N, C-alpha and C. Protein backbone atom coordinates (compact mmCIF):
# COMPACT_ATOMS: atom_id res chain seq x y z
N MET A 1 -213.62 190.31 -148.47
CA MET A 1 -214.02 189.05 -148.51
C MET A 1 -213.39 188.13 -147.32
N VAL A 2 -214.26 187.39 -147.04
CA VAL A 2 -213.14 186.31 -145.56
C VAL A 2 -213.21 185.02 -146.12
N LYS A 3 -212.61 184.69 -145.58
CA LYS A 3 -211.20 183.20 -146.01
C LYS A 3 -213.05 182.09 -145.66
N VAL A 4 -213.45 181.24 -145.97
CA VAL A 4 -214.45 180.36 -145.76
C VAL A 4 -214.13 179.46 -144.20
N GLU A 5 -212.83 179.52 -143.91
CA GLU A 5 -212.49 178.93 -142.35
C GLU A 5 -212.56 180.07 -141.56
N ASP A 6 -212.81 181.25 -141.64
CA ASP A 6 -212.66 182.08 -140.72
C ASP A 6 -214.01 182.29 -140.65
N TYR A 7 -215.12 182.48 -141.57
CA TYR A 7 -216.18 182.67 -141.65
C TYR A 7 -217.35 182.56 -140.60
N LEU A 8 -217.98 182.77 -140.16
CA LEU A 8 -219.08 182.44 -138.81
C LEU A 8 -218.19 181.71 -137.90
N ASN A 9 -217.29 182.71 -137.18
CA ASN A 9 -215.98 182.16 -136.22
C ASN A 9 -216.67 182.00 -134.73
N ASP A 10 -217.64 182.00 -134.69
CA ASP A 10 -218.13 182.32 -133.18
C ASP A 10 -217.32 181.06 -132.22
N GLY A 11 -216.42 180.10 -132.41
CA GLY A 11 -216.25 179.71 -131.63
C GLY A 11 -216.98 177.97 -131.43
N ALA A 12 -217.78 178.16 -131.80
CA ALA A 12 -218.70 176.64 -131.98
C ALA A 12 -218.11 175.73 -133.14
N ASN A 13 -217.81 174.35 -132.79
CA ASN A 13 -217.47 173.48 -133.80
C ASN A 13 -218.37 173.23 -135.23
N TRP A 14 -217.51 172.92 -135.82
CA TRP A 14 -218.25 172.68 -137.08
C TRP A 14 -219.78 172.20 -137.27
N GLN A 15 -219.65 170.90 -136.72
CA GLN A 15 -221.12 170.23 -136.41
C GLN A 15 -222.18 170.77 -135.77
N ALA A 16 -221.67 171.71 -134.85
CA ALA A 16 -223.00 172.53 -134.12
C ALA A 16 -223.59 173.57 -134.99
N GLN A 17 -222.48 174.04 -135.55
CA GLN A 17 -222.76 175.41 -136.63
C GLN A 17 -223.84 174.69 -137.97
N ALA A 18 -223.17 173.60 -138.25
CA ALA A 18 -224.10 172.57 -138.80
C ALA A 18 -225.91 172.27 -138.73
N VAL A 19 -225.56 171.97 -137.63
CA VAL A 19 -227.11 171.97 -136.98
C VAL A 19 -228.03 173.13 -136.55
N LEU A 20 -227.30 174.12 -136.30
CA LEU A 20 -227.87 175.31 -136.54
C LEU A 20 -228.40 175.94 -137.85
N ALA A 21 -227.59 175.97 -138.28
CA ALA A 21 -228.06 176.06 -139.82
C ALA A 21 -229.17 175.07 -140.29
N TYR A 22 -228.93 173.87 -140.29
CA TYR A 22 -230.29 173.10 -140.64
C TYR A 22 -231.46 173.36 -139.75
N LEU A 23 -231.56 173.44 -138.11
CA LEU A 23 -232.80 174.04 -137.54
C LEU A 23 -233.18 175.69 -137.82
N LYS A 24 -232.14 176.31 -138.25
CA LYS A 24 -232.87 177.73 -138.70
C LYS A 24 -233.73 177.21 -139.71
N SER A 25 -233.43 176.67 -140.70
CA SER A 25 -234.28 176.87 -141.94
C SER A 25 -235.51 175.68 -141.56
N GLN A 26 -235.43 174.92 -140.43
CA GLN A 26 -236.64 173.91 -140.15
C GLN A 26 -237.55 174.78 -138.80
N TYR A 27 -237.24 175.76 -138.15
CA TYR A 27 -237.57 176.02 -136.86
C TYR A 27 -239.01 175.81 -136.80
N SER A 28 -239.55 176.35 -138.00
CA SER A 28 -241.34 176.53 -137.40
C SER A 28 -241.92 175.01 -137.42
N TYR A 29 -241.25 173.88 -137.86
CA TYR A 29 -241.61 172.80 -138.03
C TYR A 29 -242.36 172.51 -136.31
N PRO A 30 -241.50 172.28 -135.19
CA PRO A 30 -241.90 171.94 -134.07
C PRO A 30 -243.50 172.98 -133.16
N LEU A 31 -243.02 174.61 -134.03
CA LEU A 31 -244.29 175.52 -133.69
C LEU A 31 -245.47 175.51 -134.42
N GLN A 32 -245.86 174.96 -135.40
CA GLN A 32 -246.99 174.86 -136.38
C GLN A 32 -248.01 174.73 -135.18
N GLY A 33 -248.05 173.86 -134.44
CA GLY A 33 -249.51 173.29 -133.11
C GLY A 33 -249.68 174.61 -132.72
N THR A 34 -249.16 175.63 -132.59
CA THR A 34 -249.00 176.69 -131.40
C THR A 34 -249.47 178.52 -132.40
N TRP A 35 -249.67 178.35 -133.89
CA TRP A 35 -249.92 178.91 -134.66
C TRP A 35 -251.02 179.97 -133.97
N ASN A 36 -251.44 181.08 -133.93
CA ASN A 36 -252.84 181.82 -133.68
C ASN A 36 -252.75 182.67 -135.06
N ASN A 37 -254.08 182.34 -135.68
CA ASN A 37 -254.38 183.08 -136.42
C ASN A 37 -254.73 184.54 -136.59
N GLU A 38 -255.61 184.79 -135.33
CA GLU A 38 -255.18 186.07 -134.99
C GLU A 38 -254.68 187.37 -135.45
N LEU A 39 -253.71 186.47 -134.48
CA LEU A 39 -252.06 187.70 -134.19
C LEU A 39 -251.17 187.42 -135.26
N ARG A 40 -251.75 186.01 -135.92
CA ARG A 40 -250.33 185.95 -137.31
C ARG A 40 -249.01 185.79 -136.63
N CYS A 41 -248.99 184.67 -135.08
CA CYS A 41 -247.44 184.53 -135.33
C CYS A 41 -247.68 182.91 -134.00
N TYR A 42 -246.81 182.61 -134.38
CA TYR A 42 -246.68 181.37 -133.13
C TYR A 42 -246.98 181.84 -131.77
N LYS A 43 -247.46 180.82 -130.98
CA LYS A 43 -247.59 180.98 -129.66
C LYS A 43 -246.16 180.93 -128.83
N ALA A 44 -245.35 180.10 -129.58
CA ALA A 44 -244.06 179.30 -129.00
C ALA A 44 -242.96 179.89 -129.32
N ASP A 45 -241.90 179.68 -128.86
CA ASP A 45 -240.48 180.19 -129.52
C ASP A 45 -239.33 179.21 -129.35
N PHE A 46 -238.77 179.70 -130.35
CA PHE A 46 -237.74 178.85 -130.59
C PHE A 46 -236.27 179.46 -130.47
N TYR A 47 -235.34 179.28 -129.65
CA TYR A 47 -234.24 179.80 -129.34
C TYR A 47 -232.82 179.31 -129.26
N VAL A 48 -231.83 180.15 -129.63
CA VAL A 48 -230.07 179.84 -129.51
C VAL A 48 -229.56 181.14 -129.06
N GLY A 49 -228.78 179.82 -128.70
CA GLY A 49 -227.65 180.57 -127.40
C GLY A 49 -225.89 179.50 -127.54
N ARG A 50 -224.93 180.30 -127.08
CA ARG A 50 -224.17 179.65 -126.90
C ARG A 50 -223.76 178.59 -126.13
N TYR A 51 -223.46 177.08 -126.20
CA TYR A 51 -222.51 176.50 -125.17
C TYR A 51 -221.39 176.64 -125.16
N GLU A 52 -220.81 176.80 -123.84
CA GLU A 52 -219.20 176.69 -123.63
C GLU A 52 -218.84 176.24 -122.58
N ASN A 53 -218.14 174.97 -122.64
CA ASN A 53 -217.42 174.10 -122.14
C ASN A 53 -216.09 173.68 -122.30
N CYS A 54 -215.28 174.73 -122.56
CA CYS A 54 -213.69 174.32 -122.21
C CYS A 54 -213.56 174.19 -123.98
N ARG A 55 -212.97 173.00 -123.85
CA ARG A 55 -213.08 172.49 -125.70
C ARG A 55 -214.35 171.93 -126.29
N GLU A 56 -215.07 171.94 -125.77
CA GLU A 56 -216.67 171.87 -126.24
C GLU A 56 -217.37 173.06 -126.07
N GLN A 57 -217.41 173.34 -127.62
CA GLN A 57 -218.37 174.63 -128.22
C GLN A 57 -219.44 174.15 -128.79
N GLY A 58 -220.31 174.67 -128.46
CA GLY A 58 -221.47 174.47 -129.62
C GLY A 58 -222.76 175.58 -128.99
N TYR A 59 -224.15 175.28 -129.25
CA TYR A 59 -225.26 175.64 -128.89
C TYR A 59 -226.27 175.02 -127.88
N VAL A 60 -227.10 175.94 -127.27
CA VAL A 60 -228.10 175.11 -126.49
C VAL A 60 -229.20 176.35 -126.96
N PHE A 61 -229.91 175.21 -127.71
CA PHE A 61 -231.48 175.34 -128.34
C PHE A 61 -232.50 175.36 -127.34
N SER A 62 -233.51 176.66 -127.33
CA SER A 62 -234.74 175.92 -126.20
C SER A 62 -235.75 176.45 -127.10
N VAL A 63 -236.68 175.58 -126.79
CA VAL A 63 -238.13 175.83 -127.13
C VAL A 63 -238.99 176.13 -125.55
N ARG A 64 -239.25 177.63 -126.13
CA ARG A 64 -240.07 178.05 -124.74
C ARG A 64 -241.96 177.79 -125.20
N TYR A 65 -243.09 177.29 -124.43
CA TYR A 65 -244.26 177.59 -124.90
C TYR A 65 -245.24 177.23 -123.45
N MET A 66 -246.05 178.57 -123.40
CA MET A 66 -246.77 178.24 -122.23
C MET A 66 -246.07 178.32 -120.66
N GLY A 67 -245.12 178.72 -120.42
CA GLY A 67 -244.06 178.75 -119.63
C GLY A 67 -243.62 177.39 -119.12
N GLU A 68 -243.23 177.03 -120.22
CA GLU A 68 -242.22 175.71 -119.95
C GLU A 68 -241.10 175.97 -120.97
N GLN A 69 -240.36 175.07 -120.31
CA GLN A 69 -239.01 175.23 -121.74
C GLN A 69 -238.11 174.02 -121.45
N ARG A 70 -238.00 173.89 -122.73
CA ARG A 70 -237.32 172.35 -123.00
C ARG A 70 -235.98 172.81 -123.80
N ASN A 71 -234.61 172.39 -123.44
CA ASN A 71 -233.58 173.03 -123.96
C ASN A 71 -232.13 171.74 -124.63
N TYR A 72 -232.02 171.91 -125.37
CA TYR A 72 -230.71 171.20 -126.17
C TYR A 72 -229.58 171.56 -126.28
N ALA A 73 -228.54 170.89 -125.41
CA ALA A 73 -227.27 171.66 -125.71
C ALA A 73 -226.79 170.37 -126.43
N VAL A 74 -225.43 171.24 -127.41
CA VAL A 74 -225.45 170.63 -128.69
C VAL A 74 -223.88 170.92 -128.87
N TYR A 75 -223.26 169.70 -129.44
CA TYR A 75 -221.86 170.06 -129.09
C TYR A 75 -221.03 168.92 -129.93
N GLU A 76 -219.82 168.88 -129.98
CA GLU A 76 -219.07 168.12 -130.59
C GLU A 76 -217.87 167.57 -129.17
N HIS A 77 -218.16 166.28 -128.60
CA HIS A 77 -217.45 165.82 -127.31
C HIS A 77 -215.89 165.94 -127.50
N ARG A 78 -215.32 166.64 -126.96
CA ARG A 78 -214.13 166.69 -126.75
C ARG A 78 -212.87 165.87 -126.55
N ASN A 79 -213.29 164.62 -126.74
CA ASN A 79 -212.41 162.96 -126.87
C ASN A 79 -212.79 162.27 -128.07
N SER A 80 -213.86 162.91 -128.76
CA SER A 80 -213.94 162.21 -130.09
C SER A 80 -214.81 163.15 -131.15
N ASP A 81 -214.97 162.83 -132.01
CA ASP A 81 -216.12 163.84 -133.24
C ASP A 81 -217.56 163.46 -132.74
N VAL A 82 -218.16 162.72 -131.30
CA VAL A 82 -219.52 162.51 -131.72
C VAL A 82 -220.35 163.77 -131.23
N LEU A 83 -221.08 163.72 -132.08
CA LEU A 83 -222.04 165.06 -131.80
C LEU A 83 -223.45 164.63 -130.84
N CYS A 84 -223.14 165.47 -129.72
CA CYS A 84 -223.66 165.17 -128.65
C CYS A 84 -225.20 166.03 -128.11
N VAL A 85 -226.20 165.27 -127.49
CA VAL A 85 -226.95 166.02 -127.38
C VAL A 85 -227.61 165.84 -125.69
N VAL A 86 -227.64 167.08 -125.15
CA VAL A 86 -228.01 167.05 -123.49
C VAL A 86 -229.54 168.00 -123.83
N VAL A 87 -230.70 167.00 -123.21
CA VAL A 87 -231.87 167.43 -123.32
C VAL A 87 -232.61 167.53 -121.70
N PHE A 88 -232.85 168.97 -121.37
CA PHE A 88 -233.45 169.23 -120.29
C PHE A 88 -234.52 169.99 -120.26
N ASP A 89 -235.36 170.03 -119.20
CA ASP A 89 -236.26 171.12 -119.32
C ASP A 89 -236.02 171.84 -117.93
N ARG A 90 -235.85 173.22 -118.35
CA ARG A 90 -236.12 174.45 -117.13
C ARG A 90 -236.14 175.29 -117.79
N LEU A 91 -236.66 176.49 -117.14
CA LEU A 91 -237.15 178.03 -118.09
C LEU A 91 -235.89 178.86 -117.49
N THR A 92 -235.60 179.14 -118.42
CA THR A 92 -234.49 180.57 -117.50
C THR A 92 -234.95 181.69 -118.66
N ILE A 93 -234.48 182.90 -118.11
CA ILE A 93 -234.35 184.11 -118.59
C ILE A 93 -233.65 183.95 -119.96
N ASN A 94 -232.11 183.93 -119.80
CA ASN A 94 -231.29 183.69 -120.77
C ASN A 94 -230.85 182.50 -121.12
N THR A 95 -230.13 182.38 -121.66
CA THR A 95 -229.45 180.78 -122.86
C THR A 95 -229.27 179.96 -121.01
N PRO A 96 -229.41 179.02 -121.25
CA PRO A 96 -229.11 178.00 -120.13
C PRO A 96 -227.48 178.06 -120.35
N SER A 97 -227.34 177.90 -118.87
CA SER A 97 -225.45 178.03 -118.66
C SER A 97 -224.78 176.87 -118.65
N LEU A 98 -223.97 176.52 -118.61
CA LEU A 98 -222.75 175.29 -118.51
C LEU A 98 -223.60 174.78 -116.96
N ASP A 99 -223.77 175.05 -116.20
CA ASP A 99 -224.05 174.85 -114.69
C ASP A 99 -225.39 173.80 -115.17
N ASP A 100 -226.38 174.84 -115.59
CA ASP A 100 -227.83 174.08 -115.76
C ASP A 100 -227.51 172.70 -116.82
N VAL A 101 -226.96 172.81 -117.72
CA VAL A 101 -226.47 171.37 -118.53
C VAL A 101 -225.69 170.19 -117.64
N ILE A 102 -224.63 170.86 -116.91
CA ILE A 102 -223.95 169.74 -116.37
C ILE A 102 -224.63 168.95 -115.18
N ALA A 103 -225.73 170.30 -114.53
CA ALA A 103 -226.91 169.46 -113.50
C ALA A 103 -227.71 168.28 -114.31
N ASN A 104 -227.54 167.97 -115.47
CA ASN A 104 -228.97 167.21 -115.78
C ASN A 104 -227.40 165.95 -116.80
N MET A 105 -226.77 165.77 -116.14
CA MET A 105 -225.25 164.88 -116.75
C MET A 105 -224.69 164.32 -115.48
N LYS A 106 -224.88 162.63 -115.42
CA LYS A 106 -224.36 162.05 -114.43
C LYS A 106 -222.67 162.09 -114.54
N ASN A 107 -222.15 162.28 -115.74
CA ASN A 107 -220.66 163.15 -116.08
C ASN A 107 -220.61 163.22 -117.54
N LYS A 108 -219.33 163.22 -117.54
CA LYS A 108 -219.19 164.46 -119.17
C LYS A 108 -219.42 163.20 -120.24
N TYR A 109 -219.43 162.13 -119.95
CA TYR A 109 -219.87 161.19 -121.40
C TYR A 109 -221.64 160.98 -121.08
N ASP A 110 -222.20 161.43 -119.87
CA ASP A 110 -223.97 161.19 -119.96
C ASP A 110 -224.70 161.96 -120.95
N THR A 111 -224.96 161.95 -121.84
CA THR A 111 -225.71 162.37 -122.69
C THR A 111 -227.64 162.18 -122.95
N THR A 112 -228.12 162.89 -123.97
CA THR A 112 -228.92 161.98 -124.00
C THR A 112 -229.46 161.29 -125.12
N LYS A 113 -228.61 161.67 -126.09
CA LYS A 113 -228.31 161.29 -127.66
C LYS A 113 -226.78 161.83 -128.27
N LYS A 114 -226.38 160.94 -128.93
CA LYS A 114 -225.34 160.94 -129.83
C LYS A 114 -225.35 160.63 -131.17
N PHE A 115 -224.56 161.07 -131.72
CA PHE A 115 -224.58 160.99 -133.70
C PHE A 115 -223.05 161.00 -133.82
N LYS A 116 -223.36 160.19 -134.54
CA LYS A 116 -221.72 160.25 -135.40
C LYS A 116 -221.46 161.07 -136.13
N CYS A 117 -220.15 161.47 -135.93
CA CYS A 117 -219.38 162.45 -136.82
C CYS A 117 -220.14 162.73 -138.31
N GLY A 118 -220.62 164.20 -138.09
CA GLY A 118 -221.67 164.25 -139.62
C GLY A 118 -223.05 164.04 -139.60
N GLU A 119 -223.48 163.47 -138.67
CA GLU A 119 -225.13 162.98 -139.21
C GLU A 119 -225.60 164.20 -138.33
N ILE A 120 -225.00 165.31 -139.11
CA ILE A 120 -225.91 166.71 -139.05
C ILE A 120 -227.38 166.66 -138.97
N LEU A 121 -228.14 165.92 -140.36
CA LEU A 121 -229.78 166.07 -140.31
C LEU A 121 -230.18 165.34 -139.38
N SER A 122 -229.55 163.90 -138.94
CA SER A 122 -230.10 163.39 -138.03
C SER A 122 -230.50 163.90 -136.56
N CYS A 123 -229.17 164.59 -136.15
CA CYS A 123 -229.55 165.38 -135.21
C CYS A 123 -230.88 166.13 -135.05
N GLY A 124 -230.53 167.34 -136.20
CA GLY A 124 -231.57 168.16 -136.50
C GLY A 124 -232.83 168.05 -136.19
N ALA A 125 -233.05 166.74 -137.01
CA ALA A 125 -234.47 166.05 -137.41
C ALA A 125 -234.69 165.79 -135.73
N TYR A 126 -233.92 164.96 -135.07
CA TYR A 126 -234.42 164.50 -133.65
C TYR A 126 -234.78 165.75 -132.40
N ILE A 127 -234.03 166.70 -132.65
CA ILE A 127 -234.11 168.17 -131.97
C ILE A 127 -235.55 168.50 -132.35
N LEU A 128 -235.95 168.54 -133.68
CA LEU A 128 -237.52 169.32 -134.12
C LEU A 128 -238.50 168.31 -133.58
N GLU A 129 -237.90 167.16 -133.83
CA GLU A 129 -239.17 166.06 -133.33
C GLU A 129 -239.39 166.02 -131.82
N ASP A 130 -238.34 166.03 -131.45
CA ASP A 130 -238.75 165.96 -129.46
C ASP A 130 -239.38 167.40 -129.44
N ALA A 131 -238.86 168.78 -129.88
CA ALA A 131 -239.63 169.73 -129.58
C ALA A 131 -240.89 169.64 -129.79
N LYS A 132 -241.65 169.52 -131.07
CA LYS A 132 -242.45 169.34 -131.51
C LYS A 132 -243.52 168.48 -130.62
N ASN A 133 -243.10 166.95 -130.18
CA ASN A 133 -243.92 166.40 -128.91
C ASN A 133 -243.63 167.39 -127.86
N PHE A 134 -242.68 167.60 -127.22
CA PHE A 134 -242.98 168.61 -125.84
C PHE A 134 -243.86 169.71 -125.93
N ILE A 135 -244.44 170.33 -127.22
CA ILE A 135 -245.50 171.30 -127.96
C ILE A 135 -246.85 170.44 -127.93
N ASP A 136 -246.73 169.46 -128.41
CA ASP A 136 -247.78 168.58 -128.45
C ASP A 136 -248.16 168.23 -126.67
N THR A 137 -247.45 167.75 -125.99
CA THR A 137 -247.64 167.29 -124.78
C THR A 137 -248.61 168.25 -123.73
N ILE A 138 -247.83 169.51 -124.02
CA ILE A 138 -248.21 170.59 -123.90
C ILE A 138 -249.82 171.00 -124.00
N ASN A 139 -249.70 170.69 -125.10
CA ASN A 139 -251.60 171.01 -125.88
C ASN A 139 -252.25 170.05 -125.29
N ASP A 140 -251.80 168.96 -125.39
CA ASP A 140 -252.85 167.72 -124.76
C ASP A 140 -253.70 168.32 -123.32
N LEU A 141 -251.96 168.41 -122.84
CA LEU A 141 -252.72 168.89 -121.03
C LEU A 141 -253.71 169.74 -120.80
N ASN A 142 -253.19 170.92 -122.18
CA ASN A 142 -254.03 172.23 -121.59
C ASN A 142 -255.41 171.83 -122.29
N ASP A 143 -255.79 170.84 -122.94
CA ASP A 143 -256.90 170.68 -123.98
C ASP A 143 -258.16 170.08 -122.77
């Protein structure tokens, strides 16, 4: 057995880990508009990788569809308990890097969306809705 405080110790803070758990349970929601009946799979993919910026440890979630990619860096701000999300579009082979995230910020306080400490479900729902809108927009452009 492992102590609860040591389990899943990949360096990400608890809020980012909770968002990951929520998105893992709901990841297919934004992908539904890409279902291929013939192949029995989604044409879009939802990925996760680590986000590492000194004391700010979290994840980058990426939705990739038809040569486009939207990314969501999720972390707890180092100077507060605020749960931060930085959203940006950039096609990458690997997990977007810290440099990719920072390139989309004016300063360390510039985020796309902020959530109070513990607002895990709100943060996850925001990412899922934005990912769905991203995919729907691509579908609308290709109709």
